[in-house]
Amino acid sequence: MPLSPRASVLIAAVCFGTTGTAQALGPSDARAVAVGSGRIALGGALLVAIALVTLRRAPSPEADVAGSRWPGAPVLVLAGACVAAYQLCFFAAVQRTGVAVGTVVAIGSGPAFAGVLGWIVAREAPGRRWAAATALACAGVALLVLGGSTASASGGGIALALGAGAGYASYTVIAKQLLRAGHRPEIVMAGAFGAGGALLLPVLALTAGSWLGTPGGLGLILFLGVVPTALAYVLFARGLRELTAGETATLTLAEPLTAAALGAVVLGERPGTLSTAGAGFVLCGLLALALGRRPAPVVPAGTAVLVAAGRPDAAEATR
C-alpha cells in the first residue's frame, strides 16, 4: 500500500530526527560540521546512484520525458550551493547563540519562510489551518528546545539562524517547482544533494579528524548518509510533490519531537515540564495539519522557477 504524501513527509522527519542520537553514540571527538559535511557528501552520492538506477528502469525516455530529464546546470548548482550553505550557516549560528536559540530560530522560521515563499513564487496560499497548526507546532518547538536550557542571544547568530531557516524554505520551494515541472523526486534530490555534497568535500577534508577512519566513525557517516539523508529526502520529495511547500515544512517539525523522544528513550535524557509541554504542542499542531483535508492533485507546470535552495537538517547540533 503506497504511503500518503503526509505520511511520507512525517516518516522523513522521523528519519531526520535520528541524527542527534546517532551522533551522540558516535565518536566523542567528531566535530559537528565534519559530521554534517560527511553526511551530505555520502548522502548526495547515494541519491545520485538511486536516481541513475531509477532512470535505467524507466520504460522508455519517450514515456517519461520530463521525469527522465535532469534539471539544468544553473538550478542544480544553485540548489547544491544552498544545501552546503545551510550546513555552514546553521553550525555558525549554533556556535554564536548556543544550541537552544539557534535551533529554535532555524527550525521555527523554516515553515513561515516556506509559506510566504510558496505564496509569492507558486501562488500556494497556505490557508488558516496551516497558519494555526504552524503557530502551535512552532510554539511547541520553542518550549521543547528551550525547556531546561540556558538561552543566549547574539544578533549575528540569530541572523545566521534565520538565514538557515530561509535557506531550507527556499530549497523546499525550488524542489516543489521542479516536481511541478515533472522531474522525478529522486532526480530532484540527487541533483541538489549531489552538488551540495561535492561543494562540502573541502570542508570535510579540513575538519575531519582521525575519528573518521575508525569503525565508529565510518558507521556513523554510513548511517547518516543512508537513513536521515538518502532515504529521508526521497520520502520528503515524494510528499512535497503533492503538498504545498508550507505544509511540508510544517510537517517536518516532527523532527525535533523525534530527537527529543530518542534522547529520552535511548540516551536517558529526562525532559523537564516545559519540554514535555512543548512536545505536546508540536504533536497537536502536526495532528491538526495531518488530519486535514487531502491535498488536491498537482498538475505539472511547464517551467521550473529558480529560487535559492537549501535544507535542514536543522536540529543537527542538538542531535
Protein backbone atom coordinates (compact mmCIF):
# COMPACT_ATOMS: atom_id res chain seq x y z
CA MET A 1 0.00 0.00 0.00
CA PRO A 2 1.61 3.31 -1.07
CA LEU A 3 2.27 5.96 1.55
CA SER A 4 0.16 9.10 1.59
CA PRO A 5 2.03 12.38 0.94
CA ARG A 6 1.75 13.47 4.57
CA ALA A 7 2.89 10.07 5.83
CA SER A 8 5.93 10.25 3.53
CA VAL A 9 6.95 13.65 4.93
CA LEU A 10 6.33 12.58 8.54
CA ILE A 11 8.45 9.44 8.10
CA ALA A 12 11.17 11.59 6.53
CA ALA A 13 11.03 13.91 9.54
CA VAL A 14 11.36 10.92 11.89
CA CYS A 15 14.45 9.86 9.93
CA PHE A 16 15.84 13.42 10.23
CA GLY A 17 15.31 13.22 13.98
CA THR A 18 17.59 10.20 14.41
CA THR A 19 20.67 12.26 13.57
CA GLY A 20 21.31 13.56 17.07
CA THR A 21 21.11 10.20 18.79
CA ALA A 22 23.40 8.67 16.17
CA GLN A 23 25.91 11.48 16.63
CA ALA A 24 25.77 11.11 20.43
CA LEU A 25 26.51 7.40 20.12
CA GLY A 26 29.36 8.02 17.67
CA PRO A 27 32.97 9.07 18.34
CA SER A 28 33.19 11.77 21.01
CA ASP A 29 35.82 13.76 19.10
CA ALA A 30 33.74 14.07 15.92
CA ARG A 31 33.14 17.75 15.08
CA ALA A 32 29.54 18.59 14.17
CA VAL A 33 30.48 20.47 11.00
CA ALA A 34 32.55 17.50 9.81
CA VAL A 35 29.73 15.08 10.57
CA GLY A 36 27.28 17.29 8.67
CA SER A 37 29.61 17.61 5.69
CA GLY A 38 30.30 13.88 5.57
CA ARG A 39 26.62 13.12 5.82
CA ILE A 40 25.72 15.33 2.86
CA ALA A 41 28.67 14.10 0.79
CA LEU A 42 27.76 10.42 1.22
CA GLY A 43 24.01 11.01 1.12
CA GLY A 44 24.35 13.05 -2.07
CA ALA A 45 26.37 10.28 -3.73
CA LEU A 46 23.74 7.71 -2.73
CA LEU A 47 20.93 9.88 -4.06
CA VAL A 48 22.73 10.23 -7.39
CA ALA A 49 23.09 6.43 -7.55
CA ILE A 50 19.38 5.98 -6.76
CA ALA A 51 18.44 8.47 -9.48
CA LEU A 52 20.61 6.71 -12.06
CA VAL A 53 19.06 3.33 -11.21
CA THR A 54 15.58 4.87 -11.42
CA LEU A 55 16.31 6.30 -14.86
CA ARG A 56 17.70 3.00 -16.08
CA ARG A 57 14.50 1.22 -15.03
CA ALA A 58 12.24 3.74 -16.81
CA PRO A 59 10.10 2.10 -19.54
CA SER A 60 11.42 4.47 -22.20
CA PRO A 61 12.56 8.07 -22.45
CA GLU A 62 9.56 8.85 -24.63
CA ALA A 63 7.16 7.61 -21.93
CA ASP A 64 8.52 9.95 -19.30
CA VAL A 65 10.32 12.81 -21.00
CA ALA A 66 10.19 15.37 -18.16
CA GLY A 67 10.73 12.79 -15.43
CA SER A 68 13.77 11.33 -17.15
CA ARG A 69 15.45 14.70 -17.60
CA TRP A 70 17.91 16.24 -15.16
CA PRO A 71 17.26 19.88 -14.22
CA GLY A 72 19.54 22.45 -15.82
CA ALA A 73 23.03 23.03 -14.50
CA PRO A 74 22.31 26.55 -13.11
CA VAL A 75 19.48 25.36 -10.86
CA LEU A 76 21.50 22.34 -9.69
CA VAL A 77 24.50 24.50 -8.80
CA LEU A 78 22.23 26.95 -7.01
CA ALA A 79 20.46 24.19 -5.09
CA GLY A 80 23.75 22.50 -4.21
CA ALA A 81 25.29 25.76 -3.03
CA CYS A 82 22.36 26.37 -0.72
CA VAL A 83 22.40 22.84 0.66
CA ALA A 84 26.06 23.40 1.53
CA ALA A 85 25.40 26.91 2.83
CA TYR A 86 22.67 25.66 5.15
CA GLN A 87 25.06 23.33 6.93
CA LEU A 88 27.69 26.02 7.48
CA CYS A 89 25.16 28.73 8.33
CA PHE A 90 23.39 26.60 10.91
CA PHE A 91 26.54 25.47 12.68
CA ALA A 92 27.85 29.04 12.76
CA ALA A 93 24.56 30.18 14.30
CA VAL A 94 24.69 27.49 16.98
CA GLN A 95 28.28 28.44 17.80
CA ARG A 96 27.27 32.08 18.36
CA THR A 97 23.88 31.71 20.04
CA GLY A 98 24.04 28.26 21.58
CA VAL A 99 22.16 25.14 20.58
CA ALA A 100 18.79 26.16 22.03
CA VAL A 101 18.30 29.57 20.42
CA GLY A 102 19.98 28.63 17.14
CA THR A 103 17.85 25.51 16.74
CA VAL A 104 14.58 27.22 17.67
CA VAL A 105 15.13 30.10 15.24
CA ALA A 106 16.32 27.87 12.38
CA ILE A 107 13.62 25.20 12.69
CA GLY A 108 10.83 27.52 13.74
CA SER A 109 11.38 30.06 10.96
CA GLY A 110 11.52 27.46 8.18
CA PRO A 111 7.76 26.84 7.83
CA ALA A 112 6.98 30.56 7.96
CA PHE A 113 9.50 31.33 5.22
CA ALA A 114 8.27 28.37 3.17
CA GLY A 115 4.65 29.51 3.41
CA VAL A 116 5.50 33.05 2.32
CA LEU A 117 7.84 32.00 -0.49
CA GLY A 118 5.41 29.39 -1.75
CA TRP A 119 2.71 32.04 -1.85
CA ILE A 120 4.93 34.52 -3.73
CA VAL A 121 6.52 32.09 -6.19
CA ALA A 122 3.82 29.46 -6.80
CA ARG A 123 0.66 31.23 -5.58
CA GLU A 124 0.19 28.47 -3.00
CA ALA A 125 -1.88 30.24 -0.33
CA PRO A 126 -1.13 28.33 2.91
CA GLY A 127 -4.60 28.70 4.46
CA ARG A 128 -5.84 29.17 8.01
CA ARG A 129 -5.37 25.55 9.05
CA TRP A 130 -1.68 25.73 8.09
CA ALA A 131 -1.23 29.04 9.94
CA ALA A 132 -2.82 27.72 13.14
CA ALA A 133 -1.03 24.37 13.01
CA THR A 134 2.32 26.04 12.28
CA ALA A 135 1.93 28.54 15.12
CA LEU A 136 1.07 25.74 17.54
CA ALA A 137 3.92 23.50 16.40
CA CYS A 138 6.49 26.32 16.40
CA ALA A 139 5.49 27.30 19.93
CA GLY A 140 5.98 23.68 20.88
CA VAL A 141 9.43 23.60 19.28
CA ALA A 142 10.43 26.67 21.30
CA LEU A 143 9.30 25.04 24.56
CA LEU A 144 10.83 21.71 23.57
CA VAL A 145 14.30 23.08 22.90
CA LEU A 146 14.39 25.91 25.43
CA GLY A 147 12.96 23.89 28.29
CA GLY A 148 15.70 23.28 30.80
CA SER A 149 18.29 25.12 28.66
CA THR A 150 20.18 28.32 29.22
CA ALA A 151 19.31 30.53 26.29
CA SER A 152 21.76 33.03 24.91
CA ALA A 153 21.28 35.66 22.24
CA SER A 154 23.53 37.12 19.58
CA GLY A 155 22.33 39.39 16.82
CA GLY A 156 24.72 37.90 14.28
CA GLY A 157 23.93 34.37 15.39
CA ILE A 158 20.19 34.90 15.13
CA ALA A 159 20.65 36.37 11.65
CA LEU A 160 22.60 33.25 10.65
CA ALA A 161 19.86 31.01 12.09
CA LEU A 162 17.23 32.97 10.16
CA GLY A 163 19.38 32.50 7.07
CA ALA A 164 19.35 28.75 7.70
CA GLY A 165 15.55 28.76 8.00
CA ALA A 166 15.19 30.84 4.84
CA GLY A 167 17.59 28.54 3.01
CA TYR A 168 15.54 25.47 3.93
CA ALA A 169 12.34 27.19 2.87
CA SER A 170 13.86 28.32 -0.41
CA TYR A 171 15.10 24.81 -1.15
CA THR A 172 11.63 23.44 -0.45
CA VAL A 173 10.08 25.92 -2.88
CA ILE A 174 12.56 25.25 -5.69
CA ALA A 175 12.18 21.50 -5.22
CA LYS A 176 8.41 21.95 -5.41
CA GLN A 177 8.73 23.83 -8.70
CA LEU A 178 10.98 21.15 -10.18
CA LEU A 179 8.47 18.50 -9.15
CA ARG A 180 5.68 20.52 -10.71
CA ALA A 181 7.69 20.61 -13.93
CA GLY A 182 7.58 16.80 -13.98
CA HIS A 183 11.03 15.89 -12.64
CA ARG A 184 11.11 12.76 -10.53
CA PRO A 185 11.62 13.13 -6.77
CA GLU A 186 14.79 11.02 -6.91
CA ILE A 187 16.30 13.24 -9.59
CA VAL A 188 15.44 16.47 -7.78
CA MET A 189 17.06 15.26 -4.56
CA ALA A 190 20.06 13.74 -6.33
CA GLY A 191 20.81 16.94 -8.21
CA ALA A 192 20.64 19.20 -5.17
CA PHE A 193 22.44 16.97 -2.69
CA GLY A 194 24.95 15.62 -5.18
CA ALA A 195 26.06 19.17 -5.91
CA GLY A 196 25.91 20.12 -2.23
CA GLY A 197 27.99 17.12 -1.23
CA ALA A 198 30.63 17.96 -3.82
CA LEU A 199 30.86 21.52 -2.51
CA LEU A 200 31.21 20.28 1.07
CA LEU A 201 34.06 17.86 0.35
CA PRO A 202 36.74 20.54 1.02
CA VAL A 203 35.03 21.36 4.33
CA LEU A 204 35.07 17.69 5.28
CA ALA A 205 38.75 17.41 4.34
CA LEU A 206 39.62 20.42 6.53
CA THR A 207 37.55 19.48 9.58
CA ALA A 208 37.58 15.67 9.72
CA GLY A 209 39.93 14.09 12.24
CA SER A 210 41.22 10.60 12.86
CA TRP A 211 37.76 9.55 14.11
CA LEU A 212 36.57 9.27 10.50
CA GLY A 213 38.81 6.26 9.90
CA THR A 214 37.55 4.30 12.92
CA PRO A 215 34.73 1.71 12.75
CA GLY A 216 32.55 4.00 14.87
CA GLY A 217 33.23 7.00 12.64
CA LEU A 218 32.61 5.10 9.42
CA GLY A 219 29.44 3.57 10.87
CA LEU A 220 28.18 6.99 11.91
CA ILE A 221 28.68 8.55 8.47
CA LEU A 222 27.22 5.48 6.76
CA PHE A 223 24.06 5.59 8.89
CA LEU A 224 23.63 9.33 8.48
CA GLY A 225 24.20 9.14 4.73
CA VAL A 226 21.68 6.32 4.25
CA VAL A 227 18.80 6.91 6.70
CA PRO A 228 18.36 10.62 7.51
CA THR A 229 19.72 11.75 4.13
CA ALA A 230 19.20 9.41 1.13
CA LEU A 231 16.07 7.60 2.36
CA ALA A 232 14.60 10.60 4.15
CA TYR A 233 14.97 13.03 1.27
CA VAL A 234 13.41 10.68 -1.29
CA LEU A 235 10.37 10.37 1.00
CA PHE A 236 10.44 14.14 1.60
CA ALA A 237 10.34 14.85 -2.14
CA ARG A 238 7.58 12.34 -2.80
CA GLY A 239 5.41 14.02 -0.20
CA LEU A 240 6.34 17.50 -1.39
CA ARG A 241 5.17 16.58 -4.90
CA GLU A 242 1.56 16.51 -3.62
CA LEU A 243 1.67 19.09 -0.80
CA THR A 244 2.35 22.81 -0.61
CA ALA A 245 5.81 23.94 0.43
CA GLY A 246 4.44 25.49 3.64
CA GLU A 247 2.58 22.37 4.72
CA THR A 248 5.60 20.17 4.00
CA ALA A 249 7.87 22.40 6.07
CA THR A 250 5.41 22.33 8.97
CA LEU A 251 5.15 18.54 8.92
CA THR A 252 8.95 18.29 9.24
CA LEU A 253 8.62 19.86 12.70
CA ALA A 254 8.19 16.23 13.77
CA GLU A 255 11.99 16.15 13.57
CA PRO A 256 12.77 17.81 16.93
CA LEU A 257 9.94 15.84 18.53
CA THR A 258 11.58 12.61 17.35
CA ALA A 259 15.00 13.82 18.50
CA ALA A 260 13.63 14.58 21.98
CA ALA A 261 11.87 11.21 22.22
CA LEU A 262 15.00 9.30 21.20
CA GLY A 263 17.05 11.36 23.64
CA ALA A 264 14.78 10.26 26.46
CA VAL A 265 14.48 6.60 25.46
CA VAL A 266 17.96 5.84 24.10
CA LEU A 267 20.21 8.36 25.82
CA GLY A 268 18.39 8.51 29.14
CA GLU A 269 17.71 12.25 28.96
CA ARG A 270 14.91 13.48 31.22
CA PRO A 271 12.89 16.33 29.73
CA GLY A 272 11.50 18.95 32.08
CA THR A 273 7.97 20.26 32.31
CA LEU A 274 8.46 22.87 29.57
CA SER A 275 9.94 20.31 27.19
CA THR A 276 7.09 17.88 27.84
CA ALA A 277 4.52 20.60 27.21
CA GLY A 278 6.39 21.60 24.06
CA ALA A 279 6.26 18.03 22.75
CA GLY A 280 2.51 18.05 23.27
CA PHE A 281 2.16 21.34 21.37
CA VAL A 282 4.18 20.02 18.43
CA LEU A 283 2.15 16.81 18.34
CA CYS A 284 -1.15 18.71 18.41
CA GLY A 285 -0.01 21.03 15.62
CA LEU A 286 1.10 18.13 13.44
CA LEU A 287 -2.12 16.21 14.06
CA ALA A 288 -4.20 19.27 13.18
CA LEU A 289 -2.34 19.52 9.87
CA ALA A 290 -2.05 15.81 9.10
CA LEU A 291 -5.74 15.12 9.69
CA GLY A 292 -6.87 17.94 7.44
CA ARG A 293 -8.40 17.54 4.02
CA ARG A 294 -6.45 15.62 1.37
CA PRO A 295 -4.34 17.86 -0.86
CA ALA A 296 -5.51 18.42 -4.41
CA PRO A 297 -3.55 16.55 -7.09
CA VAL A 298 -0.66 18.54 -8.51
CA VAL A 299 -0.88 19.43 -12.19
CA PRO A 300 2.64 19.65 -13.69
CA ALA A 301 3.55 23.15 -14.76
CA GLY A 302 5.66 23.96 -17.76
CA THR A 303 8.68 25.67 -16.30
CA ALA A 304 10.65 25.44 -13.05
CA VAL A 305 11.09 28.70 -11.16
CA LEU A 306 14.62 29.35 -9.91
CA VAL A 307 14.83 30.23 -6.23
CA ALA A 308 17.68 29.91 -3.76
CA ALA A 309 17.72 26.49 -2.09
CA GLY A 310 18.99 24.50 0.94
CA ARG A 311 17.56 22.22 3.82
CA PRO A 312 17.61 21.46 7.10
CA ASP A 313 18.93 19.15 8.89
CA ALA A 314 18.01 21.58 11.44
CA ALA A 315 18.49 20.21 14.91
CA GLU A 316 21.84 18.77 13.90
CA ALA A 317 23.88 20.25 16.74
CA THR A 318 21.37 19.08 19.33
CA ARG A 319 21.24 15.59 17.93
